Amino acid sequence: MSAPLPLFPVTTVGSWPRPRWLLDAVKRKDPDLPALRDRACLEALRAQEAAGVDILTDGEQRRDNFYSFLCERVEGMTLMTMADLLDFVEDRAGFEAMLSALDVPAYAMRNPTVTGPLRARGALVLDDVRFLRRHTRGALKATLPGPYLLSRSTWVKGLSDGAYPTREALADDIVRLLRAEIEALAAEGVAFIQMDEPVLSEVLFAGRSATRTFMCAALAAKSSPEGEMELAVDLLRRVTEGIRGPVLGIHVCRGNWSRDDGVLLAGDYDPLMPWFARMDLGLYALEWATPRAGPVEVLAGLPRGAILGFGAVNPRTTEVEDPETVAARVRRVAAILGPERVQLNPDCGFGTFAERPVNDADTARRKLETLAAAAAILRRG
């Protein structure tokens, strides 16, 4: 049993930069890869503990990216590059134009694609959490890709419809897989379970921006933004309804593969607040370290009692923020929600994509130290 959390607990969104020796071992298919992944997870854990993090993750060191790792753990999913998918996209010209605007070559982007009936080969992330529990008594957070992200980005006409005629049919199996995993994590005593749903920002912001995110490039949604959001709310409620124990939440960002903000989505969270209010979740981990986030006053629209994971440092910059400045920004948020409802985290992960981290481990650690120092200032009043 972990100790009670302090006010303004510090955590991460999930990913940590993978060490070069681990990436090299993955490429050469090192026979000692399981032990090397254990070592990398321990290094990420110790870095968080040393920085003063209160809610810990494994840094997603066993994952290629925040959702493609499912290809190793679920039958019926195949990892494909965006270049591979070009022949199956209905609007190929539009798809290629979108890819050309991004700061990553198409061959380097890999998307898990459903090519057969889904069946879990074992636990999705439970074993990773059990490994952490053997090495720390701190509070743990498990991270999973969310049901809307998976139903939208993994169904591709011509590849997926042999197993699932429609995206809605696929969504039923995704709900089944995620719900079973969350129930297992709850039984394990995990304190927080975070589902990553970055594409929710694309649904509502894309109309105000020329940029689209590649997280959902494999499928151009046929429904209206309102229809897509209705689906997202329904899927999240189906996955979490009736589960007791851990705090269940989502992370919503605007893309995290480049330091160039010009290729990332822009838009404040105001249009998402009414939808958040219907999700019946206990945690919303959101970006707020850049002006793109908009005013904090919209946070009054979060569901009553829900915790905010306040993005207080930017994972994509080399500049390490000042703790006093961070604390001052958090005070404004605490005045709206109450201090007991605020966690401190970076805007997003430091290494969402294994081969393209947005920062190095030393800078990531220093940014977490800033969050811990800001939390200490806030706890003193």
Protein backbone atom coordinates (compact mmCIF):
# COMPACT_ATOMS: atom_id res chain seq x y z
CA MET A 1 0.00 0.00 0.00
CA SER A 2 1.43 3.36 -1.03
CA ALA A 3 1.45 6.37 1.29
CA PRO A 4 -1.31 9.01 0.97
CA LEU A 5 -0.59 11.57 -1.71
CA PRO A 6 0.28 15.15 -0.75
CA LEU A 7 -1.48 18.20 -2.15
CA PHE A 8 -0.40 19.02 -5.70
CA PRO A 9 1.07 15.57 -6.42
CA VAL A 10 3.58 15.44 -9.26
CA THR A 11 3.36 12.88 -12.04
CA THR A 12 4.18 12.34 -15.70
CA VAL A 13 1.88 11.78 -18.63
CA GLY A 14 3.65 8.48 -19.23
CA SER A 15 6.55 8.25 -21.65
CA TRP A 16 10.22 8.80 -20.87
CA PRO A 17 13.09 9.04 -23.40
CA ARG A 18 14.42 5.55 -24.16
CA PRO A 19 18.19 5.13 -23.76
CA ARG A 20 20.15 4.64 -26.96
CA TRP A 21 21.38 1.24 -25.82
CA LEU A 22 17.77 0.05 -25.53
CA LEU A 23 16.81 1.31 -28.99
CA ASP A 24 19.88 -0.39 -30.45
CA ALA A 25 18.99 -3.63 -28.67
CA VAL A 26 15.47 -3.54 -30.12
CA LYS A 27 16.84 -3.05 -33.65
CA ARG A 28 19.25 -5.98 -33.42
CA LYS A 29 16.65 -8.15 -31.64
CA ASP A 30 19.00 -8.72 -28.75
CA PRO A 31 18.22 -12.04 -27.00
CA ASP A 32 18.56 -10.21 -23.67
CA LEU A 33 15.93 -7.65 -24.65
CA PRO A 34 13.48 -8.50 -21.82
CA ALA A 35 16.19 -7.91 -19.21
CA LEU A 36 17.30 -4.72 -20.95
CA ARG A 37 13.74 -3.43 -20.93
CA ASP A 38 13.55 -4.19 -17.22
CA ARG A 39 16.73 -2.17 -16.72
CA ALA A 40 15.36 0.77 -18.72
CA CYS A 41 12.12 0.72 -16.72
CA LEU A 42 14.09 0.80 -13.48
CA GLU A 43 16.19 3.72 -14.70
CA ALA A 44 13.03 5.66 -15.64
CA LEU A 45 11.49 4.82 -12.26
CA ARG A 46 14.57 5.91 -10.29
CA ALA A 47 14.81 9.15 -12.29
CA GLN A 48 11.21 9.98 -11.38
CA GLU A 49 11.73 9.14 -7.72
CA ALA A 50 14.92 11.21 -7.56
CA ALA A 51 13.11 14.17 -9.13
CA GLY A 52 10.35 14.07 -6.52
CA VAL A 53 7.53 12.49 -8.56
CA ASP A 54 4.63 11.23 -6.44
CA ILE A 55 2.68 9.13 -8.99
CA LEU A 56 5.00 6.87 -10.96
CA THR A 57 4.98 5.10 -14.33
CA ASP A 58 7.43 2.78 -16.08
CA GLY A 59 8.19 5.46 -18.68
CA GLU A 60 6.61 3.22 -21.34
CA GLN A 61 10.07 1.76 -21.93
CA ARG A 62 8.64 -1.47 -23.35
CA ARG A 63 6.64 0.39 -26.03
CA ASP A 64 7.49 1.61 -29.51
CA ASN A 65 4.94 4.36 -29.02
CA PHE A 66 1.92 5.08 -26.89
CA TYR A 67 -0.41 2.75 -28.81
CA SER A 68 1.54 0.73 -31.41
CA PHE A 69 2.86 -1.60 -28.69
CA LEU A 70 -0.54 -3.33 -28.77
CA CYS A 71 0.57 -5.06 -31.98
CA GLU A 72 2.87 -7.20 -29.81
CA ARG A 73 0.15 -7.97 -27.29
CA VAL A 74 -3.03 -8.34 -29.34
CA GLU A 75 -3.60 -10.76 -32.20
CA GLY A 76 -5.24 -9.19 -35.24
CA MET A 77 -3.18 -5.97 -35.24
CA THR A 78 -0.36 -5.25 -37.70
CA LEU A 79 2.11 -2.38 -37.45
CA MET A 80 2.16 -0.46 -40.73
CA THR A 81 3.89 2.72 -41.83
CA MET A 82 1.79 5.58 -43.14
CA ALA A 83 3.48 4.97 -46.49
CA ASP A 84 2.14 1.39 -46.42
CA LEU A 85 -1.36 2.73 -45.86
CA LEU A 86 -1.39 5.07 -48.85
CA ASP A 87 -2.91 2.46 -51.15
CA PHE A 88 -5.86 2.00 -48.80
CA VAL A 89 -6.78 5.61 -48.05
CA GLU A 90 -9.85 6.85 -49.91
CA ASP A 91 -8.60 10.45 -50.22
CA ARG A 92 -5.00 9.69 -51.15
CA ALA A 93 -4.21 13.21 -52.35
CA GLY A 94 -5.52 14.77 -49.15
CA PHE A 95 -3.70 12.17 -47.07
CA GLU A 96 -0.39 12.86 -48.82
CA ALA A 97 -0.88 16.62 -48.42
CA MET A 98 -1.46 16.14 -44.70
CA LEU A 99 1.68 14.00 -44.38
CA SER A 100 3.80 16.57 -46.19
CA ALA A 101 2.84 19.20 -43.59
CA LEU A 102 4.14 17.10 -40.73
CA ASP A 103 7.66 17.21 -39.33
CA VAL A 104 8.17 13.45 -39.69
CA PRO A 105 8.66 11.38 -42.89
CA ALA A 106 5.77 9.07 -43.75
CA TYR A 107 7.93 5.94 -43.66
CA ALA A 108 8.84 6.69 -40.03
CA MET A 109 5.24 6.89 -38.80
CA ARG A 110 3.85 3.54 -37.76
CA ASN A 111 0.21 2.86 -37.12
CA PRO A 112 -1.33 -0.27 -35.57
CA THR A 113 -3.87 -1.50 -38.11
CA VAL A 114 -6.54 -4.12 -37.57
CA THR A 115 -6.11 -6.97 -40.05
CA GLY A 116 -7.97 -9.76 -38.23
CA PRO A 117 -10.16 -10.56 -35.22
CA LEU A 118 -8.74 -9.09 -32.01
CA ARG A 119 -7.67 -11.37 -29.19
CA ALA A 120 -5.33 -10.45 -26.34
CA ARG A 121 -2.23 -12.63 -26.16
CA GLY A 122 -2.05 -11.90 -22.43
CA ALA A 123 -2.12 -8.79 -20.31
CA LEU A 124 -1.89 -5.46 -22.13
CA VAL A 125 0.00 -3.54 -19.41
CA LEU A 126 -0.72 -5.43 -16.18
CA ASP A 127 2.62 -7.27 -16.20
CA ASP A 128 4.45 -3.94 -16.62
CA VAL A 129 2.66 -2.57 -13.55
CA ARG A 130 3.46 -5.70 -11.54
CA PHE A 131 7.13 -5.24 -12.36
CA LEU A 132 6.99 -1.67 -11.06
CA ARG A 133 5.24 -2.74 -7.88
CA ARG A 134 8.13 -5.08 -7.08
CA HIS A 135 10.50 -2.10 -7.12
CA THR A 136 8.61 0.76 -5.49
CA ARG A 137 6.02 1.47 -2.84
CA GLY A 138 4.95 4.71 -4.53
CA ALA A 139 1.55 5.31 -6.10
CA LEU A 140 1.38 3.91 -9.64
CA LYS A 141 -0.26 5.10 -12.83
CA ALA A 142 -0.99 2.77 -15.74
CA THR A 143 -1.40 4.25 -19.21
CA LEU A 144 -3.45 2.77 -22.04
CA PRO A 145 -4.57 3.99 -25.47
CA GLY A 146 -8.22 5.01 -25.29
CA PRO A 147 -11.14 3.31 -27.04
CA TYR A 148 -11.97 6.18 -29.38
CA LEU A 149 -8.36 6.53 -30.53
CA LEU A 150 -8.14 2.81 -31.24
CA SER A 151 -11.48 2.51 -32.99
CA ARG A 152 -10.71 5.50 -35.18
CA SER A 153 -7.05 5.01 -36.05
CA THR A 154 -6.81 1.22 -36.47
CA TRP A 155 -9.79 0.55 -38.78
CA VAL A 156 -8.82 0.92 -42.46
CA LYS A 157 -11.14 0.03 -45.29
CA GLY A 158 -9.71 -2.80 -47.36
CA LEU A 159 -7.58 -4.07 -44.48
CA SER A 160 -9.90 -4.25 -41.48
CA ASP A 161 -13.34 -4.87 -42.94
CA GLY A 162 -12.73 -8.57 -43.48
CA ALA A 163 -12.78 -9.01 -39.69
CA TYR A 164 -14.94 -6.01 -38.79
CA PRO A 165 -17.36 -4.71 -41.45
CA THR A 166 -17.65 -1.37 -39.67
CA ARG A 167 -15.70 0.73 -37.21
CA GLU A 168 -18.55 0.31 -34.73
CA ALA A 169 -18.15 -3.48 -34.86
CA LEU A 170 -14.44 -3.07 -34.11
CA ALA A 171 -15.24 -0.70 -31.25
CA ASP A 172 -17.20 -3.44 -29.47
CA ASP A 173 -14.10 -5.66 -29.30
CA ILE A 174 -11.87 -2.75 -28.29
CA VAL A 175 -14.22 -1.97 -25.40
CA ARG A 176 -14.08 -5.63 -24.36
CA LEU A 177 -10.27 -5.72 -24.39
CA LEU A 178 -9.78 -2.43 -22.55
CA ARG A 179 -12.45 -3.09 -19.97
CA ALA A 180 -10.95 -6.48 -19.09
CA GLU A 181 -7.53 -4.87 -18.68
CA ILE A 182 -8.83 -2.04 -16.52
CA GLU A 183 -10.67 -4.48 -14.29
CA ALA A 184 -7.41 -6.42 -13.84
CA LEU A 185 -5.48 -3.23 -13.06
CA ALA A 186 -8.12 -2.23 -10.53
CA ALA A 187 -7.82 -5.61 -8.84
CA GLU A 188 -4.05 -5.10 -8.72
CA GLY A 189 -4.52 -1.88 -6.73
CA VAL A 190 -3.27 0.60 -9.33
CA ALA A 191 -4.00 4.13 -8.10
CA PHE A 192 -4.55 5.85 -11.48
CA ILE A 193 -5.44 4.55 -14.93
CA GLN A 194 -5.03 7.03 -17.77
CA MET A 195 -6.41 6.47 -21.26
CA ASP A 196 -4.73 8.48 -24.00
CA GLU A 197 -7.24 10.18 -26.33
CA PRO A 198 -5.23 12.82 -28.23
CA VAL A 199 -7.47 12.62 -31.27
CA LEU A 200 -10.32 14.30 -29.41
CA SER A 201 -8.52 17.58 -29.98
CA GLU A 202 -8.27 16.84 -33.70
CA VAL A 203 -12.01 16.20 -33.88
CA LEU A 204 -12.90 19.66 -32.60
CA PHE A 205 -9.81 21.74 -33.47
CA ALA A 206 -9.11 20.62 -37.04
CA GLY A 207 -11.83 22.88 -38.40
CA ARG A 208 -9.93 25.84 -36.96
CA SER A 209 -6.50 24.69 -38.14
CA ALA A 210 -4.92 23.55 -41.39
CA THR A 211 -2.99 20.92 -39.49
CA ARG A 212 -4.20 17.38 -38.93
CA THR A 213 -2.57 14.86 -36.68
CA PHE A 214 -1.25 11.58 -37.97
CA MET A 215 -2.63 9.74 -34.93
CA CYS A 216 -5.95 9.54 -36.75
CA ALA A 217 -4.69 9.78 -40.32
CA ALA A 218 -5.53 6.17 -41.12
CA LEU A 219 -9.22 6.99 -41.02
CA ALA A 220 -10.97 10.15 -42.09
CA ALA A 221 -14.05 10.22 -39.86
CA LYS A 222 -17.32 10.11 -41.78
CA SER A 223 -19.43 11.59 -39.03
CA SER A 224 -19.73 15.21 -37.94
CA PRO A 225 -17.50 16.41 -35.08
CA GLU A 226 -20.54 16.14 -32.81
CA GLY A 227 -21.19 12.58 -33.96
CA GLU A 228 -17.57 11.63 -33.34
CA MET A 229 -17.65 13.14 -29.86
CA GLU A 230 -20.88 11.29 -29.07
CA LEU A 231 -19.09 8.08 -30.04
CA ALA A 232 -16.07 8.97 -27.89
CA VAL A 233 -18.23 9.65 -24.84
CA ASP A 234 -20.15 6.41 -25.34
CA LEU A 235 -16.99 4.30 -25.70
CA LEU A 236 -15.31 5.80 -22.64
CA ARG A 237 -18.40 5.27 -20.52
CA ARG A 238 -18.71 1.66 -21.68
CA VAL A 239 -15.07 0.97 -20.83
CA THR A 240 -15.22 2.49 -17.33
CA GLU A 241 -18.80 2.10 -16.10
CA GLY A 242 -19.06 0.42 -12.70
CA ILE A 243 -15.29 -0.01 -12.15
CA ARG A 244 -14.30 0.96 -8.62
CA GLY A 245 -10.94 1.57 -6.97
CA PRO A 246 -8.53 3.48 -9.21
CA VAL A 247 -9.05 7.01 -10.46
CA LEU A 248 -9.94 6.62 -14.13
CA GLY A 249 -9.06 9.40 -16.54
CA ILE A 250 -7.94 10.54 -19.96
CA HIS A 251 -5.10 12.57 -21.42
CA VAL A 252 -5.91 14.93 -24.29
CA CYS A 253 -3.15 16.83 -26.08
CA ARG A 254 -2.60 18.33 -29.53
CA GLY A 255 0.23 16.16 -30.87
CA ASN A 256 3.68 15.58 -29.43
CA TRP A 257 6.10 14.48 -32.14
CA SER A 258 7.86 17.74 -32.96
CA ARG A 259 9.41 20.76 -31.25
CA ASP A 260 7.93 22.90 -34.00
CA ASP A 261 4.61 24.12 -32.63
CA GLY A 262 3.68 25.22 -36.13
CA VAL A 263 2.98 21.61 -37.18
CA LEU A 264 0.92 20.82 -34.07
CA LEU A 265 -2.75 21.53 -33.53
CA ALA A 266 -3.87 24.75 -31.90
CA GLY A 267 -7.03 25.48 -29.94
CA ASP A 268 -8.20 25.98 -26.38
CA TYR A 269 -10.12 23.39 -24.37
CA ASP A 270 -13.39 25.30 -24.19
CA PRO A 271 -15.22 23.29 -26.89
CA LEU A 272 -14.20 20.03 -25.18
CA MET A 273 -15.52 20.94 -21.73
CA PRO A 274 -19.18 20.01 -22.36
CA TRP A 275 -18.05 16.60 -23.60
CA PHE A 276 -15.70 16.08 -20.66
CA ALA A 277 -18.65 16.79 -18.38
CA ARG A 278 -20.47 13.76 -19.83
CA MET A 279 -17.60 11.26 -19.59
CA ASP A 280 -17.96 10.55 -15.87
CA LEU A 281 -14.19 10.29 -15.37
CA GLY A 282 -12.14 11.22 -12.33
CA LEU A 283 -9.04 12.71 -14.02
CA TYR A 284 -8.37 14.94 -17.03
CA ALA A 285 -4.66 15.37 -17.87
CA LEU A 286 -4.44 18.41 -20.13
CA GLU A 287 -1.85 20.69 -21.72
CA TRP A 288 -1.48 24.17 -20.31
CA ALA A 289 2.20 25.09 -20.67
CA THR A 290 1.85 27.05 -23.92
CA PRO A 291 -0.43 29.90 -25.03
CA ARG A 292 -2.19 27.43 -27.35
CA ALA A 293 -4.05 26.11 -24.30
CA GLY A 294 -6.10 29.26 -23.86
CA PRO A 295 -7.46 30.69 -20.60
CA VAL A 296 -7.55 28.59 -17.42
CA GLU A 297 -11.00 29.96 -16.55
CA VAL A 298 -12.61 27.30 -18.76
CA LEU A 299 -11.51 24.71 -16.18
CA ALA A 300 -14.59 25.62 -14.16
CA GLY A 301 -16.40 23.43 -16.72
CA LEU A 302 -14.69 20.22 -15.59
CA PRO A 303 -16.99 17.66 -13.94
CA ARG A 304 -17.60 18.33 -10.25
CA GLY A 305 -14.91 16.67 -8.15
CA ALA A 306 -12.75 15.58 -11.08
CA ILE A 307 -8.99 15.97 -10.77
CA LEU A 308 -7.07 18.10 -13.25
CA GLY A 309 -3.67 16.92 -14.42
CA PHE A 310 -2.35 20.41 -15.12
CA GLY A 311 0.28 20.56 -17.84
CA ALA A 312 2.67 23.01 -16.22
CA VAL A 313 5.94 22.42 -18.12
CA ASN A 314 6.55 21.98 -21.84
CA PRO A 315 8.17 18.62 -22.67
CA ARG A 316 9.27 19.87 -26.10
CA THR A 317 11.64 22.68 -25.06
CA THR A 318 15.18 22.68 -23.75
CA GLU A 319 14.41 25.59 -21.43
CA VAL A 320 13.73 24.45 -17.86
CA GLU A 321 10.90 26.44 -16.35
CA ASP A 322 11.17 28.47 -13.13
CA PRO A 323 9.40 26.85 -10.12
CA GLU A 324 8.05 30.15 -8.80
CA THR A 325 6.52 30.96 -12.19
CA VAL A 326 4.95 27.51 -12.38
CA ALA A 327 3.61 27.83 -8.84
CA ALA A 328 2.01 31.18 -9.67
CA ARG A 329 0.20 29.66 -12.63
CA VAL A 330 -1.00 26.72 -10.56
CA ARG A 331 -2.39 29.06 -7.89
CA ARG A 332 -4.78 30.49 -10.49
CA VAL A 333 -5.99 26.98 -11.28
CA ALA A 334 -6.29 26.00 -7.61
CA ALA A 335 -8.44 29.09 -7.03
CA ILE A 336 -10.90 27.72 -9.59
CA LEU A 337 -10.92 24.02 -8.70
CA GLY A 338 -9.52 23.83 -5.17
CA PRO A 339 -6.00 22.62 -4.36
CA GLU A 340 -7.15 19.06 -3.68
CA ARG A 341 -8.18 18.70 -7.34
CA VAL A 342 -4.87 19.64 -8.99
CA GLN A 343 -2.00 17.40 -10.03
CA LEU A 344 1.15 18.72 -11.75
CA ASN A 345 2.47 17.09 -14.89
CA PRO A 346 4.20 17.99 -18.17
CA ASP A 347 1.96 18.79 -21.13
CA CYS A 348 2.62 15.37 -22.64
CA GLY A 349 5.23 12.61 -22.62
CA PHE A 350 8.94 13.15 -23.13
CA GLY A 351 9.24 10.21 -25.51
CA THR A 352 5.86 9.49 -27.10
CA PHE A 353 7.63 7.86 -30.05
CA ALA A 354 10.66 5.75 -29.17
CA GLU A 355 12.85 6.82 -32.09
CA ARG A 356 11.81 10.46 -31.91
CA PRO A 357 11.72 11.68 -28.31
CA VAL A 358 11.00 15.38 -27.89
CA ASN A 359 13.63 15.71 -25.17
CA ASP A 360 16.57 13.98 -23.51
CA ALA A 361 16.43 12.26 -20.13
CA ASP A 362 18.50 14.90 -18.33
CA THR A 363 16.22 17.75 -19.40
CA ALA A 364 13.16 15.64 -18.61
CA ARG A 365 14.45 15.01 -15.10
CA ARG A 366 15.16 18.72 -14.55
CA LYS A 367 11.65 19.63 -15.68
CA LEU A 368 10.19 17.15 -13.21
CA GLU A 369 12.37 18.68 -10.51
CA THR A 370 10.80 22.02 -11.40
CA LEU A 371 7.33 20.54 -10.90
CA ALA A 372 8.37 19.06 -7.55
CA ALA A 373 9.86 22.40 -6.44
CA ALA A 374 6.69 24.23 -7.52
CA ALA A 375 4.58 21.72 -5.57
CA ALA A 376 6.71 22.31 -2.47
CA ILE A 377 6.16 26.08 -2.81
CA LEU A 378 2.41 25.56 -3.14
CA ARG A 379 2.22 23.26 -0.13
CA ARG A 380 3.84 25.92 2.01
CA GLY A 381 0.94 28.22 1.13
